[in-house]
Amino acid sequence: MGIGNRIKGAAEELGGKAKEAVGNLTDDERLRREGISEQGRGEGRQEAEKAGQRVEGTFEEAGGRVHGAAGALKGDDRQQAEGKFEELKGELRQKLNK
């Protein structure tokens, strides 16, 4: 998974929209249906990638909290800061992929 899948999904969706439009203009029902199908696959690919990124963000956030809490217990300011950074990174990843 990765940003590449989102780009591929967006390209597939866009290509499907173009194919649907050409099908509409030429009264080609088969082409129109193919375009609609490609749009759906593209949207699905993008949504699957977003869901994966949200899960990854959830794990980053939780791991950061644990890392920061361990730092707090040890009195290690650096470890606390690293944990907070990881936590915030996970929160941001989740928000960017809603």
C-alpha atoms as a PDB file:
ATOM      1  CA  MET A   1       0.000   0.000   0.000  1.00  0.00           C
ATOM      2  CA  GLY A   2       1.044   3.568  -0.346  1.00  0.00           C
ATOM      3  CA  ILE A   3       0.343   6.878  -1.932  1.00  0.00           C
ATOM      4  CA  GLY A   4       0.824   5.186  -5.285  1.00  0.00           C
ATOM      5  CA  ASN A   5      -2.423   3.278  -4.794  1.00  0.00           C
ATOM      6  CA  ARG A   6      -4.302   6.506  -4.167  1.00  0.00           C
ATOM      7  CA  ILE A   7      -2.827   8.029  -7.304  1.00  0.00           C
ATOM      8  CA  LYS A   8      -3.666   4.904  -9.325  1.00  0.00           C
ATOM      9  CA  GLY A   9      -7.193   4.988  -7.935  1.00  0.00           C
ATOM     10  CA  ALA A  10      -7.624   8.658  -8.793  1.00  0.00           C
ATOM     11  CA  ALA A  11      -6.290   8.040 -12.309  1.00  0.00           C
ATOM     12  CA  GLU A  12      -8.628   5.080 -12.772  1.00  0.00           C
ATOM     13  CA  GLU A  13     -11.565   7.147 -11.545  1.00  0.00           C
ATOM     14  CA  LEU A  14     -10.670  10.018 -13.874  1.00  0.00           C
ATOM     15  CA  GLY A  15     -10.217   7.667 -16.824  1.00  0.00           C
ATOM     16  CA  GLY A  16     -13.591   6.146 -16.051  1.00  0.00           C
ATOM     17  CA  LYS A  17     -15.224   9.571 -16.053  1.00  0.00           C
ATOM     18  CA  ALA A  18     -13.705  10.310 -19.446  1.00  0.00           C
ATOM     19  CA  LYS A  19     -14.831   6.954 -20.812  1.00  0.00           C
ATOM     20  CA  GLU A  20     -18.346   7.509 -19.472  1.00  0.00           C
ATOM     21  CA  ALA A  21     -18.468  10.965 -21.071  1.00  0.00           C
ATOM     22  CA  VAL A  22     -17.345   9.607 -24.453  1.00  0.00           C
ATOM     23  CA  GLY A  23     -19.925   6.853 -24.150  1.00  0.00           C
ATOM     24  CA  ASN A  24     -22.618   9.430 -23.435  1.00  0.00           C
ATOM     25  CA  LEU A  25     -21.556  11.590 -26.373  1.00  0.00           C
ATOM     26  CA  THR A  26     -21.462   8.679 -28.818  1.00  0.00           C
ATOM     27  CA  ASP A  27     -24.482   6.828 -27.406  1.00  0.00           C
ATOM     28  CA  ASP A  28     -22.197   3.850 -26.730  1.00  0.00           C
ATOM     29  CA  GLU A  29     -23.817   2.125 -23.752  1.00  0.00           C
ATOM     30  CA  ARG A  30     -20.994  -0.407 -23.363  1.00  0.00           C
ATOM     31  CA  LEU A  31     -18.366   2.340 -23.147  1.00  0.00           C
ATOM     32  CA  ARG A  32     -20.509   4.315 -20.711  1.00  0.00           C
ATOM     33  CA  ARG A  33     -20.890   1.284 -18.422  1.00  0.00           C
ATOM     34  CA  GLU A  34     -17.163   0.537 -18.570  1.00  0.00           C
ATOM     35  CA  GLY A  35     -16.506   4.107 -17.512  1.00  0.00           C
ATOM     36  CA  ILE A  36     -18.877   3.864 -14.563  1.00  0.00           C
ATOM     37  CA  SER A  37     -17.267   0.565 -13.535  1.00  0.00           C
ATOM     38  CA  GLU A  38     -13.759   2.049 -13.718  1.00  0.00           C
ATOM     39  CA  GLN A  39     -14.866   4.987 -11.600  1.00  0.00           C
ATOM     40  CA  GLY A  40     -16.118   2.610  -8.937  1.00  0.00           C
ATOM     41  CA  ARG A  41     -12.892   0.608  -8.926  1.00  0.00           C
ATOM     42  CA  GLY A  42     -10.855   3.799  -8.686  1.00  0.00           C
ATOM     43  CA  GLU A  43     -12.928   5.131  -5.804  1.00  0.00           C
ATOM     44  CA  GLY A  44     -12.665   1.750  -4.061  1.00  0.00           C
ATOM     45  CA  ARG A  45      -8.885   1.687  -4.421  1.00  0.00           C
ATOM     46  CA  GLN A  46      -8.638   5.180  -2.935  1.00  0.00           C
ATOM     47  CA  GLU A  47     -10.934   4.351  -0.018  1.00  0.00           C
ATOM     48  CA  ALA A  48      -9.023   1.139   0.748  1.00  0.00           C
ATOM     49  CA  GLU A  49      -5.767   3.083   0.870  1.00  0.00           C
ATOM     50  CA  LYS A  50      -7.280   5.732   3.132  1.00  0.00           C
ATOM     51  CA  ALA A  51      -8.565   3.048   5.500  1.00  0.00           C
ATOM     52  CA  GLY A  52      -5.124   1.458   5.651  1.00  0.00           C
ATOM     53  CA  GLN A  53      -3.540   4.812   6.414  1.00  0.00           C
ATOM     54  CA  ARG A  54      -6.062   5.457   9.194  1.00  0.00           C
ATOM     55  CA  VAL A  55      -5.203   2.101  10.774  1.00  0.00           C
ATOM     56  CA  GLU A  56      -1.489   2.858  10.503  1.00  0.00           C
ATOM     57  CA  GLY A  57      -2.109   6.248  12.113  1.00  0.00           C
ATOM     58  CA  THR A  58      -4.010   4.632  14.969  1.00  0.00           C
ATOM     59  CA  PHE A  59      -1.061   2.334  15.692  1.00  0.00           C
ATOM     60  CA  GLU A  60       1.398   5.236  15.472  1.00  0.00           C
ATOM     61  CA  GLU A  61      -0.686   7.265  17.873  1.00  0.00           C
ATOM     62  CA  ALA A  62      -0.982   4.420  20.382  1.00  0.00           C
ATOM     63  CA  GLY A  63       2.696   3.536  20.088  1.00  0.00           C
ATOM     64  CA  GLY A  64       3.630   7.155  20.646  1.00  0.00           C
ATOM     65  CA  ARG A  65       1.524   7.314  23.785  1.00  0.00           C
ATOM     66  CA  VAL A  66       3.212   4.200  25.159  1.00  0.00           C
ATOM     67  CA  HIS A  67       6.668   5.516  24.226  1.00  0.00           C
ATOM     68  CA  GLY A  68       5.929   8.871  25.850  1.00  0.00           C
ATOM     69  CA  ALA A  69       4.501   7.285  28.991  1.00  0.00           C
ATOM     70  CA  ALA A  70       7.583   5.098  29.344  1.00  0.00           C
ATOM     71  CA  GLY A  71       9.714   8.221  29.029  1.00  0.00           C
ATOM     72  CA  ALA A  72       7.663   9.956  31.703  1.00  0.00           C
ATOM     73  CA  LEU A  73       8.101   7.011  34.067  1.00  0.00           C
ATOM     74  CA  LYS A  74      11.862   7.079  33.543  1.00  0.00           C
ATOM     75  CA  GLY A  75      12.085  10.849  33.647  1.00  0.00           C
ATOM     76  CA  ASP A  76      13.479  10.843  30.108  1.00  0.00           C
ATOM     77  CA  ASP A  77      12.382  14.093  28.455  1.00  0.00           C
ATOM     78  CA  ARG A  78      13.746  13.057  25.070  1.00  0.00           C
ATOM     79  CA  GLN A  79      11.764   9.820  25.062  1.00  0.00           C
ATOM     80  CA  GLN A  80       8.644  11.715  26.115  1.00  0.00           C
ATOM     81  CA  ALA A  81       9.128  14.169  23.236  1.00  0.00           C
ATOM     82  CA  GLU A  82       9.709  11.351  20.738  1.00  0.00           C
ATOM     83  CA  GLY A  83       6.541   9.663  21.964  1.00  0.00           C
ATOM     84  CA  LYS A  84       4.525  12.861  21.632  1.00  0.00           C
ATOM     85  CA  PHE A  85       5.867  13.378  18.112  1.00  0.00           C
ATOM     86  CA  GLU A  86       4.854   9.842  17.105  1.00  0.00           C
ATOM     87  CA  GLU A  87       1.428  10.328  18.699  1.00  0.00           C
ATOM     88  CA  LEU A  88       0.841  13.580  16.806  1.00  0.00           C
ATOM     89  CA  LYS A  89       2.097  12.040  13.560  1.00  0.00           C
ATOM     90  CA  GLY A  90      -0.449   9.233  13.968  1.00  0.00           C
ATOM     91  CA  GLU A  91      -3.265  11.690  14.674  1.00  0.00           C
ATOM     92  CA  LEU A  92      -2.349  13.713  11.586  1.00  0.00           C
ATOM     93  CA  ARG A  93      -2.209  10.590   9.381  1.00  0.00           C
ATOM     94  CA  GLN A  94      -5.712   9.683  10.531  1.00  0.00           C
ATOM     95  CA  LYS A  95      -7.093  13.181   9.897  1.00  0.00           C
ATOM     96  CA  LEU A  96      -5.545  13.387   6.427  1.00  0.00           C
ATOM     97  CA  ASN A  97      -7.202  10.130   5.417  1.00  0.00           C
ATOM     98  CA  LYS A  98     -10.807  10.675   6.491  1.00  0.00           C
END
